[in-house]
N, C-alpha and C. Protein backbone atom coordinates (compact mmCIF):
# COMPACT_ATOMS: atom_id res chain seq x y z
N MET A 1 -10.61 -10.86 -15.31
CA MET A 1 -9.57 -10.85 -14.37
C MET A 1 -8.86 -9.84 -13.59
N SER A 2 -9.17 -9.38 -12.50
CA SER A 2 -8.31 -8.32 -11.50
C SER A 2 -6.83 -8.61 -11.84
N VAL A 3 -6.24 -7.78 -11.51
CA VAL A 3 -4.62 -7.64 -10.89
C VAL A 3 -4.27 -8.94 -9.74
N LEU A 4 -5.52 -8.33 -8.55
CA LEU A 4 -5.75 -8.97 -7.18
C LEU A 4 -5.81 -10.46 -7.40
N ASP A 5 -6.55 -10.77 -8.52
CA ASP A 5 -6.85 -12.14 -8.14
C ASP A 5 -5.52 -13.18 -8.86
N SER A 6 -4.90 -12.19 -9.56
CA SER A 6 -3.48 -12.82 -9.87
C SER A 6 -3.00 -12.92 -8.94
N TYR A 7 -2.47 -11.33 -7.90
CA TYR A 7 -2.47 -11.65 -7.06
C TYR A 7 -2.20 -12.76 -5.48
N GLU A 8 -3.72 -13.36 -5.81
CA GLU A 8 -3.80 -14.26 -4.97
C GLU A 8 -3.20 -15.55 -5.15
N GLN A 9 -3.49 -15.69 -6.78
CA GLN A 9 -3.20 -17.43 -7.36
C GLN A 9 -1.98 -17.14 -6.99
N GLN A 10 -0.89 -16.52 -6.84
CA GLN A 10 0.57 -16.02 -7.09
C GLN A 10 1.12 -16.12 -5.07
N GLY A 11 0.08 -15.93 -4.47
CA GLY A 11 -0.01 -16.08 -3.24
C GLY A 11 0.51 -14.95 -2.23
N LEU A 12 0.84 -14.12 -3.46
CA LEU A 12 1.24 -12.54 -3.07
C LEU A 12 0.13 -11.78 -1.91
N LEU A 13 -0.99 -11.90 -1.28
CA LEU A 13 -2.02 -11.30 -0.57
C LEU A 13 -1.92 -12.36 0.63
N PHE A 14 -1.67 -11.46 1.69
CA PHE A 14 -1.19 -12.44 3.43
C PHE A 14 -1.78 -11.80 3.57
N ASN A 15 -2.33 -12.47 4.80
CA ASN A 15 -3.33 -12.13 6.31
C ASN A 15 -4.39 -11.33 5.48
N VAL A 16 -4.89 -11.52 4.99
CA VAL A 16 -6.06 -11.52 3.70
C VAL A 16 -7.35 -10.74 4.38
N ASN A 17 -7.37 -9.31 4.68
CA ASN A 17 -8.89 -8.67 5.84
C ASN A 17 -10.09 -8.82 4.49
N PHE A 18 -10.04 -8.35 3.43
CA PHE A 18 -11.51 -8.64 2.62
C PHE A 18 -10.12 -8.62 0.90
N LYS A 19 -11.02 -9.49 -0.17
CA LYS A 19 -10.96 -8.98 -0.79
C LYS A 19 -12.27 -9.18 -1.87
N GLU A 20 -13.03 -7.75 -2.40
CA GLU A 20 -14.61 -8.09 -2.91
C GLU A 20 -14.37 -6.37 -3.80
N LYS A 21 -15.34 -7.11 -4.81
CA LYS A 21 -16.22 -5.79 -5.09
C LYS A 21 -16.07 -4.55 -4.56
N ALA A 22 -16.12 -3.40 -5.63
CA ALA A 22 -15.77 -1.76 -4.57
C ALA A 22 -16.55 -1.71 -5.92
N GLY A 23 -17.96 -1.57 -6.39
CA GLY A 23 -18.57 -1.20 -7.73
C GLY A 23 -17.87 -1.60 -8.58
N GLY A 24 -19.04 -1.34 -9.74
CA GLY A 24 -18.77 -1.83 -10.98
C GLY A 24 -16.99 -2.76 -11.94
N ASP A 25 -16.52 -2.66 -12.56
CA ASP A 25 -15.13 -3.53 -12.68
C ASP A 25 -14.10 -3.47 -11.35
N MET A 26 -14.17 -3.25 -9.92
CA MET A 26 -13.16 -2.35 -9.55
C MET A 26 -13.32 -3.47 -8.24
N VAL A 27 -12.42 -4.02 -8.12
CA VAL A 27 -12.50 -4.86 -6.66
C VAL A 27 -11.43 -4.52 -5.41
N ALA A 28 -10.93 -4.18 -4.45
CA ALA A 28 -10.85 -3.78 -2.56
C ALA A 28 -10.13 -4.10 -2.76
N TYR A 29 -9.00 -4.50 -2.02
CA TYR A 29 -8.31 -5.14 -0.43
C TYR A 29 -7.64 -4.18 0.33
N ARG A 30 -7.58 -5.41 1.32
CA ARG A 30 -7.70 -4.80 2.49
C ARG A 30 -6.55 -6.37 3.11
N GLY A 31 -5.34 -5.89 3.38
CA GLY A 31 -4.79 -6.61 4.25
C GLY A 31 -3.29 -6.15 4.11
N GLU A 32 -2.29 -8.23 3.87
CA GLU A 32 -0.71 -7.88 3.58
C GLU A 32 -0.54 -8.38 1.92
N LEU A 33 0.54 -7.22 2.20
CA LEU A 33 1.50 -7.43 0.18
C LEU A 33 2.82 -8.26 0.85
N VAL A 34 2.72 -8.99 0.26
CA VAL A 34 3.73 -10.12 -0.29
C VAL A 34 4.81 -9.07 -0.56
N ILE A 35 6.48 -8.53 -0.30
CA ILE A 35 7.31 -7.92 -0.66
C ILE A 35 8.69 -8.71 -1.97
N LYS A 36 9.03 -9.61 -0.71
CA LYS A 36 9.61 -10.51 -0.45
C LYS A 36 8.92 -11.87 -0.17
N GLU A 37 8.90 -12.84 -1.42
CA GLU A 37 8.43 -13.86 -0.51
C GLU A 37 10.32 -15.11 0.04
N GLY A 38 9.40 -15.94 0.77
CA GLY A 38 9.97 -16.99 1.57
C GLY A 38 10.00 -17.57 0.35
N GLU A 39 11.02 -18.42 0.88
CA GLU A 39 12.20 -19.37 -0.08
C GLU A 39 11.01 -21.10 -0.38
N VAL A 40 11.69 -21.08 -1.06
CA VAL A 40 10.28 -22.53 -0.95
C VAL A 40 10.99 -23.73 -0.20
N ALA A 41 10.31 -23.80 0.66
CA ALA A 41 10.01 -25.31 1.45
C ALA A 41 10.22 -26.11 1.38
N ASP A 42 9.66 -26.50 0.43
CA ASP A 42 9.93 -28.19 0.05
C ASP A 42 9.49 -28.22 -1.70
N THR A 43 9.61 -30.14 -1.33
CA THR A 43 9.21 -29.88 -3.42
C THR A 43 7.77 -29.78 -4.14
N GLN A 44 6.96 -29.77 -3.32
CA GLN A 44 5.92 -29.11 -3.47
C GLN A 44 5.11 -27.84 -3.60
N GLY A 45 6.84 -27.33 -3.83
CA GLY A 45 6.74 -25.39 -3.90
C GLY A 45 6.22 -24.61 -3.22
N ARG A 46 5.67 -24.99 -2.02
CA ARG A 46 5.05 -24.38 -0.91
C ARG A 46 6.14 -23.75 -0.35
N ARG A 47 6.16 -22.69 0.21
CA ARG A 47 7.07 -21.64 -0.34
C ARG A 47 7.16 -21.48 2.02
N LYS A 48 8.11 -20.90 3.04
CA LYS A 48 8.41 -20.70 3.72
C LYS A 48 7.21 -18.47 4.64
N PRO A 49 7.59 -18.59 5.19
CA PRO A 49 7.00 -17.17 5.77
C PRO A 49 7.35 -15.86 4.46
N PRO A 50 6.50 -14.84 4.33
CA PRO A 50 7.46 -13.96 3.52
C PRO A 50 8.70 -13.26 4.39
N VAL A 51 9.40 -12.81 3.52
CA VAL A 51 10.78 -12.23 4.68
C VAL A 51 10.25 -10.85 4.34
N ALA A 52 9.78 -10.32 3.50
CA ALA A 52 9.41 -8.73 3.97
C ALA A 52 7.85 -8.57 3.25
N VAL A 53 6.73 -7.94 4.00
CA VAL A 53 5.91 -7.78 3.77
C VAL A 53 5.23 -5.93 4.13
N MET A 54 4.18 -5.32 3.12
CA MET A 54 3.51 -4.63 3.51
C MET A 54 2.10 -4.23 4.52
N ARG A 55 2.45 -3.80 5.67
CA ARG A 55 1.37 -4.41 6.21
C ARG A 55 0.25 -3.09 6.52
N HIS A 56 -1.28 -3.13 6.62
CA HIS A 56 -2.30 -2.13 6.21
C HIS A 56 -1.87 -1.91 5.24
N THR A 57 -2.21 -3.39 4.33
CA THR A 57 -2.28 -2.22 3.01
C THR A 57 -3.76 -2.03 2.28
N VAL A 58 -3.56 -1.36 1.49
CA VAL A 58 -5.20 -0.85 0.96
C VAL A 58 -4.77 -0.42 -0.66
N MET A 59 -6.20 -1.34 -0.88
CA MET A 59 -5.35 -1.74 -2.94
C MET A 59 -7.02 -1.41 -3.62
N LEU A 60 -6.71 -0.31 -4.39
CA LEU A 60 -8.11 -1.45 -5.50
C LEU A 60 -7.92 -1.12 -7.19
N ALA A 61 -8.19 -2.05 -7.72
CA ALA A 61 -7.94 -2.45 -8.72
C ALA A 61 -9.11 -2.13 -10.19
N GLU A 62 -8.24 -2.07 -10.77
CA GLU A 62 -9.61 -2.35 -11.99
C GLU A 62 -9.55 -2.57 -13.03
N GLY A 63 -9.82 -4.09 -12.91
CA GLY A 63 -8.76 -5.03 -14.80
C GLY A 63 -7.64 -5.28 -14.53
N ASP A 64 -6.92 -5.11 -14.87
CA ASP A 64 -5.51 -5.17 -14.59
C ASP A 64 -4.11 -3.86 -14.35
N LYS A 65 -5.44 -3.23 -13.83
CA LYS A 65 -3.91 -2.48 -13.39
C LYS A 65 -4.47 -1.67 -11.81
N LEU A 66 -3.89 -1.69 -10.79
CA LEU A 66 -4.09 -0.47 -9.64
C LEU A 66 -4.08 0.90 -9.71
N LYS A 67 -5.03 1.22 -9.23
CA LYS A 67 -6.18 2.71 -8.43
C LYS A 67 -5.27 3.48 -8.37
N LEU A 68 -5.12 2.24 -6.53
CA LEU A 68 -4.94 3.07 -5.41
C LEU A 68 -3.32 1.53 -5.10
N MET A 69 -2.50 2.09 -4.10
CA MET A 69 -1.82 1.49 -3.28
C MET A 69 -0.95 1.41 -2.66
N ALA A 70 -1.86 0.92 -0.94
CA ALA A 70 -1.23 2.20 -0.15
C ALA A 70 -0.74 1.06 1.25
N GLY A 71 -0.11 1.59 2.14
CA GLY A 71 0.60 0.78 2.79
C GLY A 71 1.60 1.19 3.77
N ALA A 72 1.72 0.36 4.95
CA ALA A 72 3.38 0.50 5.58
C ALA A 72 3.99 -0.34 5.68
N LEU A 73 5.30 0.58 5.88
CA LEU A 73 6.27 0.03 5.80
C LEU A 73 7.48 0.41 6.98
N ASP A 74 8.15 -0.67 6.99
CA ASP A 74 9.39 -1.11 8.17
C ASP A 74 10.34 -0.17 8.16
N GLN A 75 10.15 -0.28 6.37
CA GLN A 75 12.05 0.47 6.46
C GLN A 75 11.92 1.11 4.33
N LEU A 76 12.48 2.24 4.82
CA LEU A 76 12.30 2.73 3.32
C LEU A 76 13.71 1.92 1.76
N ASP A 77 14.38 1.57 2.53
CA ASP A 77 15.03 1.10 2.00
C ASP A 77 14.34 -0.80 0.62
N LEU A 78 13.03 -0.70 1.66
CA LEU A 78 11.69 -1.56 0.30
C LEU A 78 11.06 -0.93 -0.45
N LEU A 79 11.36 -0.16 -0.64
CA LEU A 79 10.80 0.61 -1.86
C LEU A 79 11.22 0.65 -3.34
N PRO A 80 12.80 0.27 -3.46
CA PRO A 80 12.77 -0.31 -5.10
C PRO A 80 11.98 -2.31 -4.92
N ALA A 81 12.25 -2.48 -4.18
CA ALA A 81 11.87 -3.94 -4.19
C ALA A 81 9.93 -3.89 -4.73
N ILE A 82 9.39 -3.24 -4.03
CA ILE A 82 7.91 -2.87 -3.68
C ILE A 82 7.99 -2.65 -5.49
N LEU A 83 8.22 -1.33 -5.92
CA LEU A 83 7.76 -1.18 -7.39
C LEU A 83 8.91 -2.16 -8.55
N GLU A 84 10.07 -2.24 -8.11
CA GLU A 84 10.67 -3.52 -9.02
C GLU A 84 9.05 -4.67 -9.09
N LYS A 85 8.95 -5.49 -8.18
CA LYS A 85 7.76 -6.38 -8.19
C LYS A 85 6.58 -5.90 -9.00
N TYR A 86 5.76 -4.35 -8.72
CA TYR A 86 3.89 -4.13 -8.58
C TYR A 86 4.35 -2.53 -9.32
N GLN A 87 5.38 -2.38 -9.61
CA GLN A 87 4.69 -0.95 -10.42
C GLN A 87 4.57 -1.20 -11.89
N ALA A 88 4.43 -2.00 -12.88
CA ALA A 88 3.74 -2.76 -13.72
C ALA A 88 2.67 -2.60 -13.71
N ASP A 89 2.17 -2.65 -13.13
CA ASP A 89 0.36 -3.05 -12.57
C ASP A 89 -0.35 -1.69 -11.94
N LEU A 90 0.87 -0.69 -12.25
CA LEU A 90 0.63 0.38 -11.88
C LEU A 90 -0.58 1.34 -12.60
N ALA A 91 -2.09 1.96 -12.40
CA ALA A 91 -2.45 2.38 -13.79
C ALA A 91 -1.35 3.61 -13.69
N PRO A 92 -1.55 4.19 -15.13
CA PRO A 92 -1.39 6.10 -14.38
C PRO A 92 -2.24 6.72 -13.71
N GLY A 93 -1.16 7.51 -13.10
CA GLY A 93 -2.33 8.64 -12.16
C GLY A 93 -2.25 7.71 -11.32
N ALA A 94 -2.08 6.51 -11.25
CA ALA A 94 -2.09 5.75 -9.62
C ALA A 94 -2.31 6.34 -8.26
N GLN A 95 -3.25 5.73 -7.44
CA GLN A 95 -2.44 6.81 -6.13
C GLN A 95 -1.55 6.26 -5.02
N VAL A 96 -0.86 5.99 -5.18
CA VAL A 96 0.37 5.66 -3.91
C VAL A 96 0.79 6.06 -3.34
N TYR A 97 0.71 5.42 -1.84
CA TYR A 97 0.78 5.93 -0.52
C TYR A 97 1.80 5.13 0.33
N PHE A 98 3.15 5.80 0.80
CA PHE A 98 3.69 4.71 1.75
C PHE A 98 4.68 4.95 2.97
N TYR A 99 3.65 4.79 4.29
CA TYR A 99 3.57 5.42 5.33
C TYR A 99 4.93 4.22 6.15
N THR A 100 5.95 5.41 5.80
CA THR A 100 7.01 4.05 6.11
C THR A 100 7.94 4.74 7.77
N VAL A 101 8.06 4.06 8.49
CA VAL A 101 8.86 3.60 9.55
C VAL A 101 10.26 5.16 10.06
N ASN A 102 10.87 4.24 9.43
CA ASN A 102 12.07 4.69 8.84
C ASN A 102 12.14 6.20 8.09
N ALA A 103 11.43 6.91 7.34
CA ALA A 103 11.60 8.17 6.59
C ALA A 103 11.32 9.23 7.50
N ALA A 104 12.83 10.00 6.86
CA ALA A 104 12.96 11.19 7.70
C ALA A 104 12.09 12.66 7.59
N LYS A 105 11.50 12.60 6.57
CA LYS A 105 10.17 13.48 6.38
C LYS A 105 9.30 12.77 4.90
N PRO A 106 8.47 13.82 4.37
CA PRO A 106 7.24 13.39 3.87
C PRO A 106 8.61 14.27 2.61
N MET A 107 7.94 12.37 1.43
CA MET A 107 8.38 13.03 0.33
C MET A 107 7.84 12.60 -1.08
N VAL A 108 7.68 13.11 -2.27
CA VAL A 108 6.58 12.37 -3.48
C VAL A 108 8.07 12.34 -4.25
N VAL A 109 8.25 10.96 -4.27
CA VAL A 109 8.99 10.24 -5.83
C VAL A 109 8.13 10.22 -6.74
N THR A 110 8.97 10.25 -7.90
CA THR A 110 7.93 10.30 -9.64
C THR A 110 8.86 9.38 -10.26
N LEU A 111 7.57 7.96 -10.79
CA LEU A 111 8.43 7.15 -11.10
C LEU A 111 7.44 7.13 -12.68
N GLU A 112 7.87 7.20 -13.19
CA GLU A 112 7.62 6.53 -14.17
C GLU A 112 5.89 7.18 -14.58
N GLY A 113 5.77 8.57 -13.83
CA GLY A 113 4.49 8.94 -14.33
C GLY A 113 3.38 9.09 -13.62
N VAL A 114 4.26 7.61 -11.91
CA VAL A 114 3.15 7.90 -10.98
C VAL A 114 3.29 8.23 -9.77
N ASN A 115 3.33 9.77 -8.95
CA ASN A 115 3.85 10.12 -8.05
C ASN A 115 3.99 9.15 -6.62
N VAL A 116 5.03 7.87 -5.92
CA VAL A 116 4.51 7.79 -4.95
C VAL A 116 5.45 8.99 -3.90
N VAL A 117 4.13 8.65 -3.45
CA VAL A 117 4.17 9.45 -1.74
C VAL A 117 4.41 8.64 -0.62
N VAL A 118 5.35 9.76 0.16
CA VAL A 118 6.43 9.05 1.15
C VAL A 118 5.77 8.92 2.63
N VAL A 119 5.07 8.85 3.76
CA VAL A 119 4.92 10.02 4.61
C VAL A 119 5.67 8.77 5.93
N PRO A 120 6.52 9.40 6.61
CA PRO A 120 6.97 9.22 8.55
C PRO A 120 5.77 8.46 8.55
N MET A 121 5.97 7.42 9.18
CA MET A 121 4.75 7.01 10.77
C MET A 121 5.25 6.10 11.16
N ILE A 122 6.09 6.33 12.69
CA ILE A 122 6.20 5.22 13.31
C ILE A 122 4.66 4.54 14.42
N GLU A 123 4.01 5.02 14.24
CA GLU A 123 2.37 3.89 14.95
C GLU A 123 1.21 4.25 14.25
N GLY A 124 0.63 4.06 13.57
CA GLY A 124 -0.89 3.99 13.71
C GLY A 124 -1.16 3.31 12.74
N VAL A 125 -2.45 3.62 11.49
CA VAL A 125 -3.27 2.81 11.36
C VAL A 125 -3.23 4.08 9.57
N VAL A 126 -2.79 2.95 8.13
CA VAL A 126 -2.15 3.19 7.47
C VAL A 126 -4.45 3.98 7.12
N TRP A 127 -4.48 3.44 7.22
CA TRP A 127 -6.04 3.46 6.76
C TRP A 127 -6.72 5.09 7.74
N ASN A 128 -6.69 4.87 8.67
CA ASN A 128 -6.32 6.00 9.50
C ASN A 128 -5.73 7.72 8.50
N GLU A 129 -5.33 7.28 8.60
CA GLU A 129 -3.48 8.49 7.83
C GLU A 129 -4.58 9.23 6.53
N LEU A 130 -4.58 8.16 5.62
CA LEU A 130 -5.52 7.84 4.66
C LEU A 130 -7.16 8.94 4.94
N ALA A 131 -7.38 8.33 5.46
CA ALA A 131 -8.85 8.80 5.71
C ALA A 131 -9.01 10.10 6.28
N ASP A 132 -7.82 10.34 7.81
CA ASP A 132 -7.43 11.45 8.09
C ASP A 132 -7.50 12.62 6.90
N LEU A 133 -6.46 12.61 6.36
CA LEU A 133 -5.65 13.30 5.08
C LEU A 133 -6.43 13.77 4.10
N THR A 134 -7.65 12.81 3.40
CA THR A 134 -8.73 13.42 2.55
C THR A 134 -9.61 14.55 3.89
N GLY A 135 -10.14 13.94 4.01
CA GLY A 135 -10.99 14.91 5.25
C GLY A 135 -12.93 13.56 5.31
N LEU A 136 -12.16 12.79 5.25
CA LEU A 136 -13.52 11.91 5.05
C LEU A 136 -13.45 11.16 6.58
N GLU A 137 -14.86 10.67 7.07
CA GLU A 137 -16.20 10.33 8.20
C GLU A 137 -16.10 9.80 8.57
N LYS A 138 -16.84 8.92 9.43
CA LYS A 138 -17.38 7.62 9.57
C LYS A 138 -18.32 7.88 8.31
N ALA A 139 -18.96 8.86 8.67
CA ALA A 139 -20.76 9.42 7.92
C ALA A 139 -20.03 9.07 6.31
N ASP A 140 -19.07 9.85 5.87
CA ASP A 140 -19.06 9.32 4.73
C ASP A 140 -19.53 8.56 3.83
N PHE A 141 -18.70 6.88 5.18
CA PHE A 141 -18.64 5.56 4.70
C PHE A 141 -20.03 4.68 5.26
N LYS A 142 -20.77 5.26 5.73
CA LYS A 142 -21.87 4.85 6.29
C LYS A 142 -23.03 3.74 4.93
N GLY A 143 -23.07 2.96 5.75
CA GLY A 143 -23.78 1.58 4.41
C GLY A 143 -22.81 1.36 3.58
N GLN A 144 -22.28 1.30 3.40
CA GLN A 144 -21.24 0.89 2.10
C GLN A 144 -20.46 -0.55 2.53
N SER A 145 -20.84 -1.47 1.84
CA SER A 145 -19.52 -3.08 2.01
C SER A 145 -17.99 -1.97 2.20
N SER A 146 -17.04 -3.09 2.75
CA SER A 146 -15.85 -2.84 3.20
C SER A 146 -15.30 -2.10 0.80
N GLY A 147 -15.88 -2.80 0.25
CA GLY A 147 -15.22 -2.55 -1.36
C GLY A 147 -15.49 -1.28 -1.57
N GLU A 148 -16.47 -0.51 -1.20
CA GLU A 148 -17.53 0.51 -1.31
C GLU A 148 -16.63 1.19 -0.21
N LYS A 149 -15.97 1.49 0.49
CA LYS A 149 -15.59 2.03 1.24
C LYS A 149 -13.62 2.44 0.89
N VAL A 150 -12.97 1.41 0.16
CA VAL A 150 -11.72 1.59 -0.66
C VAL A 150 -12.41 2.57 -2.14
N THR A 151 -13.53 2.58 -2.52
CA THR A 151 -13.63 3.03 -3.84
C THR A 151 -13.55 4.65 -3.29
N THR A 152 -14.49 5.02 -1.84
CA THR A 152 -15.09 5.83 -1.42
C THR A 152 -13.95 7.09 -0.99
N LEU A 153 -12.54 5.72 -0.96
CA LEU A 153 -11.48 6.76 -0.32
C LEU A 153 -10.47 7.16 -1.24
N TYR A 154 -10.45 6.52 -2.70
CA TYR A 154 -10.03 6.72 -3.17
C TYR A 154 -10.32 7.96 -4.11
N LYS A 155 -11.69 7.32 -4.28
CA LYS A 155 -12.51 9.26 -5.31
C LYS A 155 -11.90 10.68 -4.41
N ALA A 156 -11.65 10.63 -2.40
CA ALA A 156 -11.19 11.05 -2.12
C ALA A 156 -9.71 11.53 -2.80
N LEU A 157 -9.05 10.66 -3.11
CA LEU A 157 -7.30 10.77 -2.70
C LEU A 157 -7.25 11.28 -3.81
N THR A 158 -7.75 11.26 -4.91
CA THR A 158 -7.89 11.85 -6.08
C THR A 158 -8.03 13.56 -6.33
N SER A 159 -8.47 13.78 -5.63
CA SER A 159 -8.37 15.27 -5.33
C SER A 159 -7.04 15.90 -4.60
N GLU A 160 -6.11 15.18 -4.28
CA GLU A 160 -4.97 15.12 -3.31
C GLU A 160 -4.34 16.08 -3.67
N THR A 161 -3.37 16.98 -3.35
CA THR A 161 -2.19 16.93 -4.61
C THR A 161 -1.05 17.28 -3.09
N PRO A 162 -0.61 16.04 -3.12
CA PRO A 162 1.03 15.79 -2.09
C PRO A 162 1.29 17.30 -2.31
N LYS A 163 2.41 17.88 -1.23
CA LYS A 163 2.70 19.42 -1.43
C LYS A 163 4.20 18.71 -0.33
N HIS A 164 4.43 17.94 -0.78
CA HIS A 164 5.83 17.15 -0.26
C HIS A 164 7.13 17.90 -1.39
N GLU A 165 8.13 17.97 -0.80
CA GLU A 165 9.33 17.55 -1.35
C GLU A 165 9.66 16.86 -2.40
N ALA A 166 9.59 17.38 -4.40
CA ALA A 166 9.63 15.65 -4.95
C ALA A 166 11.34 15.26 -5.11
N LEU A 167 11.59 14.33 -5.15
CA LEU A 167 12.78 13.51 -4.33
C LEU A 167 13.05 12.17 -5.85
N ALA A 168 13.67 12.25 -5.91
CA ALA A 168 15.01 11.67 -6.84
C ALA A 168 14.64 10.04 -6.00
N LEU A 169 14.11 8.76 -6.63
CA LEU A 169 14.86 7.68 -6.37
C LEU A 169 15.91 7.66 -4.86
N ASP A 170 17.23 7.63 -5.63
CA ASP A 170 18.12 7.57 -5.23
C ASP A 170 18.80 8.93 -3.84
N ALA A 171 17.58 10.03 -3.96
CA ALA A 171 17.62 11.02 -2.91
C ALA A 171 16.85 11.07 -2.26
N ALA A 172 16.08 10.62 -2.34
CA ALA A 172 14.98 9.29 -0.82
C ALA A 172 15.33 8.47 -0.53
N LEU A 173 16.26 7.61 -0.91
CA LEU A 173 16.52 6.07 0.23
C LEU A 173 17.18 7.45 0.99
N ALA A 174 18.42 7.98 0.92
CA ALA A 174 19.49 8.79 1.53
C ALA A 174 18.51 9.03 2.78
N CYS A 175 16.95 9.62 2.64
CA CYS A 175 16.73 10.02 4.00
C CYS A 175 15.91 9.50 5.12
N THR A 176 16.94 8.82 5.36
CA THR A 176 16.43 7.90 6.66
C THR A 176 16.16 8.08 8.17
N VAL A 177 15.61 7.52 9.60
CA VAL A 177 16.44 8.10 10.50
C VAL A 177 16.93 6.24 11.23
N ALA A 178 17.18 6.84 12.06
CA ALA A 178 17.36 4.64 12.44
C ALA A 178 16.31 5.14 14.28
N THR A 179 14.71 4.65 13.37
CA THR A 179 13.59 4.48 14.12
C THR A 179 12.95 2.92 13.81
N LYS A 180 12.42 2.78 14.45
CA LYS A 180 11.72 1.79 14.70
C LYS A 180 10.34 1.57 14.87
N ARG A 181 9.26 1.00 14.43
CA ARG A 181 7.35 0.69 14.78
C ARG A 181 7.54 0.25 16.30
N GLU A 182 6.31 1.46 16.85
CA GLU A 182 6.16 1.87 18.47
C GLU A 182 5.69 0.40 18.74
N THR A 183 5.91 -0.83 19.07
CA THR A 183 4.44 -1.35 19.72
C THR A 183 3.56 -1.88 21.28
N ARG A 184 2.96 -1.91 20.92
CA ARG A 184 1.97 -1.97 22.38
C ARG A 184 1.75 -3.49 21.86
N GLY A 185 1.18 -3.44 23.78
CA GLY A 185 0.11 -5.31 24.27
C GLY A 185 1.22 -5.15 25.84
N ALA A 186 0.59 -6.61 25.89
CA ALA A 186 0.34 -6.90 27.21
C ALA A 186 2.31 -7.19 27.49
N VAL A 187 2.54 -6.29 28.73
CA VAL A 187 4.10 -6.42 29.19
C VAL A 187 4.21 -8.11 30.26
């Protein structure tokens, strides 16, 4: 069973775009990931909607470990909560990218052998940002299933070396600005 299957059973996958095989023993996921669960709403254990989620989540799992975890966070102060909940599931050398609305600058936080790349992003989509970072284009994904596309992205990310300033977690959490996510739509 994949770690993503476990998350699904625990109700941690939210607004699922897809969860599917991604080649070999790998499973890919895109959607939202629960960071802070809602309180229990009734005696049957059903929960209210999550208090905090990571949007635009892209994950790739092999067995019980995550090889890739990326997504959009509204607040950098959610970083400790997401790490507390999911860090034990990260494989050594996992690719971890958090595009964060209120991050003041790009940075890398190393925690127990895993580099967590934090990049400011007020608007945009994580998938597009990662594809741009790696130089992948639509033609690179042609004919692939959704899961295989995540594997292609992961392989491209493994050759990337972030050149951002390395900060300790406490210093990183202090690098914020008063910015809100920009939303567009009907007026």
